[in-house]
């Protein structure tokens, strides 16, 4: 599994994923000895929300993937939030390719773990933003760059 603890920047669509680059310069994940990628970043919320992100397989591949986020606040799991992974890849005019973006809802499975399935539409670098909302208000987000194979 790919574990990423930073601002997320990956694109996937339930049944058809697209990911891209976002502003703010997400950090590139680095491989560990266990084959997972980790990147550090800060959450953008008033509350101290910690968000980790993983994909299975790791790294994500074109086609079907499972995405998972763990959401914690003050050391406690956040169990009552709306969580989504938003993917973005900028346009590449030289390749006649428009920008791609998509949002995948992640469903709470218990203990602050949120999961969802999506299809990565193409290989390459994607910016992923994991957004956490409660009662219609943003309580945290993470951005990172993920490279799909």
Protein backbone atom coordinates (compact mmCIF):
# COMPACT_ATOMS: atom_id res chain seq x y z
CA UNK A 1 0.00 0.00 0.00
CA UNK A 2 1.12 3.55 -0.65
CA UNK A 3 1.03 5.61 2.51
CA UNK A 4 1.13 9.36 2.13
CA UNK A 5 0.85 11.80 5.01
CA UNK A 6 0.75 15.17 3.24
CA UNK A 7 -1.30 17.33 0.96
CA UNK A 8 -2.74 14.94 -1.58
CA UNK A 9 -2.70 15.35 -5.35
CA UNK A 10 -3.95 12.18 -7.04
CA UNK A 11 -6.74 11.73 -9.55
CA UNK A 12 -9.12 8.86 -9.67
CA UNK A 13 -12.71 8.34 -10.65
CA UNK A 14 -15.03 5.70 -9.38
CA UNK A 15 -14.85 3.49 -12.39
CA UNK A 16 -12.64 6.03 -14.22
CA UNK A 17 -9.86 7.98 -12.49
CA UNK A 18 -8.07 11.10 -13.51
CA UNK A 19 -5.36 12.81 -11.42
CA UNK A 20 -3.32 15.95 -11.88
CA UNK A 21 -1.16 18.73 -10.53
CA UNK A 22 -2.45 21.39 -8.16
CA UNK A 23 -1.13 24.66 -6.89
CA UNK A 24 0.80 25.02 -3.70
CA UNK A 25 3.58 22.62 -4.66
CA UNK A 26 2.76 19.26 -3.13
CA UNK A 27 5.69 17.19 -1.98
CA UNK A 28 6.79 14.10 -3.86
CA UNK A 29 6.55 10.85 -1.89
CA UNK A 30 9.68 8.76 -1.40
CA UNK A 31 9.97 4.99 -1.31
CA UNK A 32 10.67 3.18 1.92
CA UNK A 33 12.05 -0.32 2.39
CA UNK A 34 8.50 -1.64 2.68
CA UNK A 35 7.57 -0.26 -0.74
CA UNK A 36 5.33 2.45 0.57
CA UNK A 37 5.64 6.13 -0.16
CA UNK A 38 5.51 8.70 2.59
CA UNK A 39 5.52 12.44 2.38
CA UNK A 40 5.13 14.88 5.21
CA UNK A 41 2.92 17.91 5.06
CA UNK A 42 0.71 20.04 7.22
CA UNK A 43 -3.04 20.05 7.38
CA UNK A 44 -4.89 23.22 6.50
CA UNK A 45 -7.47 23.43 9.22
CA UNK A 46 -8.16 25.20 12.46
CA UNK A 47 -8.28 21.83 14.21
CA UNK A 48 -5.15 19.72 14.40
CA UNK A 49 -6.24 17.10 11.87
CA UNK A 50 -3.80 14.41 10.74
CA UNK A 51 -4.51 12.70 7.41
CA UNK A 52 -2.68 9.76 5.89
CA UNK A 53 -3.38 8.39 2.42
CA UNK A 54 -2.71 4.99 0.85
CA UNK A 55 -3.41 3.21 -2.39
CA UNK A 56 -3.62 -0.44 -3.21
CA UNK A 57 -1.73 -1.43 -5.25
CA UNK A 58 1.25 0.71 -4.29
CA UNK A 59 2.03 2.65 -6.38
CA UNK A 60 -1.38 3.01 -8.01
CA UNK A 61 -1.68 1.66 -11.54
CA UNK A 62 -3.89 2.51 -14.47
CA UNK A 63 -7.18 0.72 -13.95
CA UNK A 64 -8.87 -0.18 -10.68
CA UNK A 65 -7.33 0.88 -7.35
CA UNK A 66 -8.47 1.15 -3.74
CA UNK A 67 -7.78 4.39 -1.88
CA UNK A 68 -7.75 4.81 1.87
CA UNK A 69 -7.40 7.79 4.22
CA UNK A 70 -6.95 7.69 7.99
CA UNK A 71 -8.22 10.82 9.74
CA UNK A 72 -7.21 11.68 13.31
CA UNK A 73 -7.69 14.80 15.43
CA UNK A 74 -5.95 15.25 18.78
CA UNK A 75 -4.88 11.60 18.67
CA UNK A 76 -8.49 10.42 18.29
CA UNK A 77 -10.10 8.98 15.12
CA UNK A 78 -12.50 11.27 13.27
CA UNK A 79 -15.55 9.10 12.65
CA UNK A 80 -18.21 11.59 11.55
CA UNK A 81 -16.70 13.36 8.54
CA UNK A 82 -17.19 13.52 4.79
CA UNK A 83 -13.88 12.59 3.15
CA UNK A 84 -12.95 12.84 -0.51
CA UNK A 85 -9.82 12.44 -2.58
CA UNK A 86 -9.61 15.01 -5.35
CA UNK A 87 -7.29 14.33 -8.26
CA UNK A 88 -5.88 16.84 -10.70
CA UNK A 89 -3.50 16.80 -13.67
CA UNK A 90 -2.88 20.06 -15.52
CA UNK A 91 -3.38 20.44 -19.24
CA UNK A 92 -0.47 19.52 -21.49
CA UNK A 93 -1.00 21.59 -24.64
CA UNK A 94 2.11 20.18 -26.35
CA UNK A 95 0.44 16.75 -26.16
CA UNK A 96 -3.01 18.13 -27.02
CA UNK A 97 -4.27 16.91 -23.62
CA UNK A 98 -6.81 18.87 -21.55
CA UNK A 99 -6.60 19.08 -17.75
CA UNK A 100 -8.07 16.15 -15.87
CA UNK A 101 -9.74 16.20 -12.49
CA UNK A 102 -12.08 14.09 -10.45
CA UNK A 103 -13.28 13.59 -6.91
CA UNK A 104 -13.77 10.23 -5.18
CA UNK A 105 -15.87 9.91 -2.04
CA UNK A 106 -14.30 7.79 0.68
CA UNK A 107 -16.68 5.96 3.03
CA UNK A 108 -16.03 5.58 6.75
CA UNK A 109 -15.25 1.98 7.66
CA UNK A 110 -14.56 2.50 11.37
CA UNK A 111 -11.89 3.93 13.62
CA UNK A 112 -11.27 6.98 11.39
CA UNK A 113 -10.46 4.88 8.29
CA UNK A 114 -12.16 5.95 5.05
CA UNK A 115 -12.01 3.87 1.83
CA UNK A 116 -13.15 4.10 -1.76
CA UNK A 117 -12.45 2.53 -5.15
CA UNK A 118 -11.48 4.33 -8.31
CA UNK A 119 -9.94 3.82 -11.72
CA UNK A 120 -6.73 5.65 -12.60
CA UNK A 121 -7.17 6.79 -16.20
CA UNK A 122 -3.51 7.20 -17.10
CA UNK A 123 0.01 6.80 -15.78
CA UNK A 124 1.93 9.85 -14.61
CA UNK A 125 2.17 12.38 -11.79
CA UNK A 126 -1.05 13.43 -10.12
CA UNK A 127 -1.77 15.97 -7.41
CA UNK A 128 -4.17 14.60 -4.82
CA UNK A 129 -6.01 16.60 -2.20
CA UNK A 130 -7.74 14.71 0.57
CA UNK A 131 -10.50 16.92 2.00
CA UNK A 132 -12.19 16.36 5.33
CA UNK A 133 -15.48 18.12 6.08
CA UNK A 134 -17.86 18.03 9.02
CA UNK A 135 -21.27 19.69 9.01
CA UNK A 136 -20.46 21.35 5.69
CA UNK A 137 -17.25 22.94 7.02
CA UNK A 138 -13.67 22.06 6.03
CA UNK A 139 -11.79 20.73 9.05
CA UNK A 140 -8.64 19.61 7.27
CA UNK A 141 -6.93 18.70 4.01
CA UNK A 142 -3.67 17.23 2.76
CA UNK A 143 -2.01 17.59 -0.64
CA UNK A 144 0.57 15.33 -2.19
CA UNK A 145 1.92 14.16 -5.50
CA UNK A 146 1.47 10.54 -6.51
CA UNK A 147 2.92 8.83 -9.55
CA UNK A 148 0.68 6.21 -11.13
CA UNK A 149 2.31 3.46 -13.17
